[in-house]
Amino acid sequence: MPRGPKGEKRPADVIGSAIMIARIATGEIEEGTEPETKAAAALGKRGGKARAASLTPEQRSEIARVAAEARWKKGGS
């Protein structure tokens, strides 16, 4: 989904964009992030901490190794 100048989500199609602009102009919705997005982000952060706490050091190391390999593979020639 395209992002606006401040990182807010924007509809990809012209009609969806026009409808969103009209809703913002009439005050039906406020421009910016929706409350559901903030709540989901908060839950995601809490879940990540809980998962990290439940993993053994060996498991965390393996996950980090796989991630590093993927980054190097992606950025390499």
C-alpha atoms as a PDB file:
ATOM      1  CA  MET A   1       0.000   0.000   0.000  1.00  0.00           C
ATOM      2  CA  PRO A   2       1.407   3.439  -0.873  1.00  0.00           C
ATOM      3  CA  ARG A   3       2.475   5.762   1.902  1.00  0.00           C
ATOM      4  CA  GLY A   4       1.900   9.489   2.271  1.00  0.00           C
ATOM      5  CA  PRO A   5       4.627  12.046   3.056  1.00  0.00           C
ATOM      6  CA  LYS A   6       4.432  11.323   6.787  1.00  0.00           C
ATOM      7  CA  GLY A   7       4.245   7.534   6.379  1.00  0.00           C
ATOM      8  CA  GLU A   8       0.460   7.226   6.601  1.00  0.00           C
ATOM      9  CA  LYS A   9      -1.272   4.543   4.547  1.00  0.00           C
ATOM     10  CA  ARG A  10      -2.931   5.600   1.310  1.00  0.00           C
ATOM     11  CA  PRO A  11      -5.194   3.638  -1.055  1.00  0.00           C
ATOM     12  CA  ALA A  12      -3.407   2.405  -4.182  1.00  0.00           C
ATOM     13  CA  ASP A  13      -6.286   3.031  -6.605  1.00  0.00           C
ATOM     14  CA  VAL A  14      -7.616   6.421  -7.738  1.00  0.00           C
ATOM     15  CA  ILE A  15     -11.208   5.859  -6.598  1.00  0.00           C
ATOM     16  CA  GLY A  16     -10.159   4.668  -3.153  1.00  0.00           C
ATOM     17  CA  SER A  17      -7.868   7.677  -2.836  1.00  0.00           C
ATOM     18  CA  ALA A  18     -10.682  10.061  -3.821  1.00  0.00           C
ATOM     19  CA  ILE A  19     -13.046   8.514  -1.275  1.00  0.00           C
ATOM     20  CA  MET A  20     -10.424   8.777   1.463  1.00  0.00           C
ATOM     21  CA  ILE A  21      -9.747  12.450   0.639  1.00  0.00           C
ATOM     22  CA  ALA A  22     -13.476  13.186   0.752  1.00  0.00           C
ATOM     23  CA  ARG A  23     -13.810  11.480   4.153  1.00  0.00           C
ATOM     24  CA  ILE A  24     -10.856  13.434   5.530  1.00  0.00           C
ATOM     25  CA  ALA A  25     -12.281  16.698   4.154  1.00  0.00           C
ATOM     26  CA  THR A  26     -15.710  16.101   5.709  1.00  0.00           C
ATOM     27  CA  GLY A  27     -14.215  15.081   9.040  1.00  0.00           C
ATOM     28  CA  GLU A  28     -15.600  11.548   8.852  1.00  0.00           C
ATOM     29  CA  ILE A  29     -12.112  10.175   9.483  1.00  0.00           C
ATOM     30  CA  GLU A  30      -8.877  11.765  10.684  1.00  0.00           C
ATOM     31  CA  GLU A  31      -5.729  11.645   8.651  1.00  0.00           C
ATOM     32  CA  GLY A  32      -3.024   9.424  10.139  1.00  0.00           C
ATOM     33  CA  THR A  33      -2.875   5.981  11.659  1.00  0.00           C
ATOM     34  CA  GLU A  34      -6.038   4.214  12.687  1.00  0.00           C
ATOM     35  CA  PRO A  35      -6.483   3.153  16.331  1.00  0.00           C
ATOM     36  CA  GLU A  36      -6.638  -0.509  15.248  1.00  0.00           C
ATOM     37  CA  THR A  37      -3.155  -0.196  13.765  1.00  0.00           C
ATOM     38  CA  LYS A  38      -1.773   1.210  17.019  1.00  0.00           C
ATOM     39  CA  ALA A  39      -3.405  -1.570  19.042  1.00  0.00           C
ATOM     40  CA  ALA A  40      -2.086  -4.246  16.698  1.00  0.00           C
ATOM     41  CA  ALA A  41       1.417  -2.784  16.887  1.00  0.00           C
ATOM     42  CA  ALA A  42       1.285  -2.789  20.685  1.00  0.00           C
ATOM     43  CA  LEU A  43       0.201  -6.425  20.730  1.00  0.00           C
ATOM     44  CA  GLY A  44       2.912  -7.333  18.247  1.00  0.00           C
ATOM     45  CA  LYS A  45       5.618  -5.745  20.379  1.00  0.00           C
ATOM     46  CA  ARG A  46       4.366  -7.557  23.467  1.00  0.00           C
ATOM     47  CA  GLY A  47       4.287 -10.861  21.585  1.00  0.00           C
ATOM     48  CA  GLY A  48       7.841 -10.402  20.335  1.00  0.00           C
ATOM     49  CA  LYS A  49       9.146  -9.864  23.864  1.00  0.00           C
ATOM     50  CA  ALA A  50       7.267 -12.905  25.132  1.00  0.00           C
ATOM     51  CA  ARG A  51       8.647 -15.045  22.314  1.00  0.00           C
ATOM     52  CA  ALA A  52      12.206 -13.843  22.948  1.00  0.00           C
ATOM     53  CA  ALA A  53      11.855 -14.617  26.644  1.00  0.00           C
ATOM     54  CA  SER A  54      10.666 -18.152  25.911  1.00  0.00           C
ATOM     55  CA  LEU A  55      13.512 -19.020  23.494  1.00  0.00           C
ATOM     56  CA  THR A  56      16.766 -20.568  24.617  1.00  0.00           C
ATOM     57  CA  PRO A  57      20.007 -18.725  23.799  1.00  0.00           C
ATOM     58  CA  GLU A  58      20.777 -21.400  21.203  1.00  0.00           C
ATOM     59  CA  GLN A  59      17.420 -20.898  19.487  1.00  0.00           C
ATOM     60  CA  ARG A  60      17.892 -17.109  19.422  1.00  0.00           C
ATOM     61  CA  SER A  61      21.374 -17.585  17.978  1.00  0.00           C
ATOM     62  CA  GLU A  62      20.053 -19.883  15.239  1.00  0.00           C
ATOM     63  CA  ILE A  63      17.281 -17.418  14.306  1.00  0.00           C
ATOM     64  CA  ALA A  64      19.824 -14.574  14.167  1.00  0.00           C
ATOM     65  CA  ARG A  65      22.201 -16.666  12.026  1.00  0.00           C
ATOM     66  CA  VAL A  66      19.478 -17.517   9.518  1.00  0.00           C
ATOM     67  CA  ALA A  67      18.393 -13.860   9.364  1.00  0.00           C
ATOM     68  CA  ALA A  68      21.968 -12.687   8.804  1.00  0.00           C
ATOM     69  CA  GLU A  69      22.454 -15.232   6.017  1.00  0.00           C
ATOM     70  CA  ALA A  70      19.249 -14.048   4.358  1.00  0.00           C
ATOM     71  CA  ARG A  71      20.399 -10.402   4.553  1.00  0.00           C
ATOM     72  CA  TRP A  72      23.797 -11.207   3.073  1.00  0.00           C
ATOM     73  CA  LYS A  73      22.258 -13.356   0.356  1.00  0.00           C
ATOM     74  CA  LYS A  74      19.805 -10.598  -0.559  1.00  0.00           C
ATOM     75  CA  GLY A  75      22.390  -7.792  -0.652  1.00  0.00           C
ATOM     76  CA  GLY A  76      25.223  -9.773  -2.274  1.00  0.00           C
ATOM     77  CA  SER A  77      26.176  -9.822  -5.939  1.00  0.00           C
END
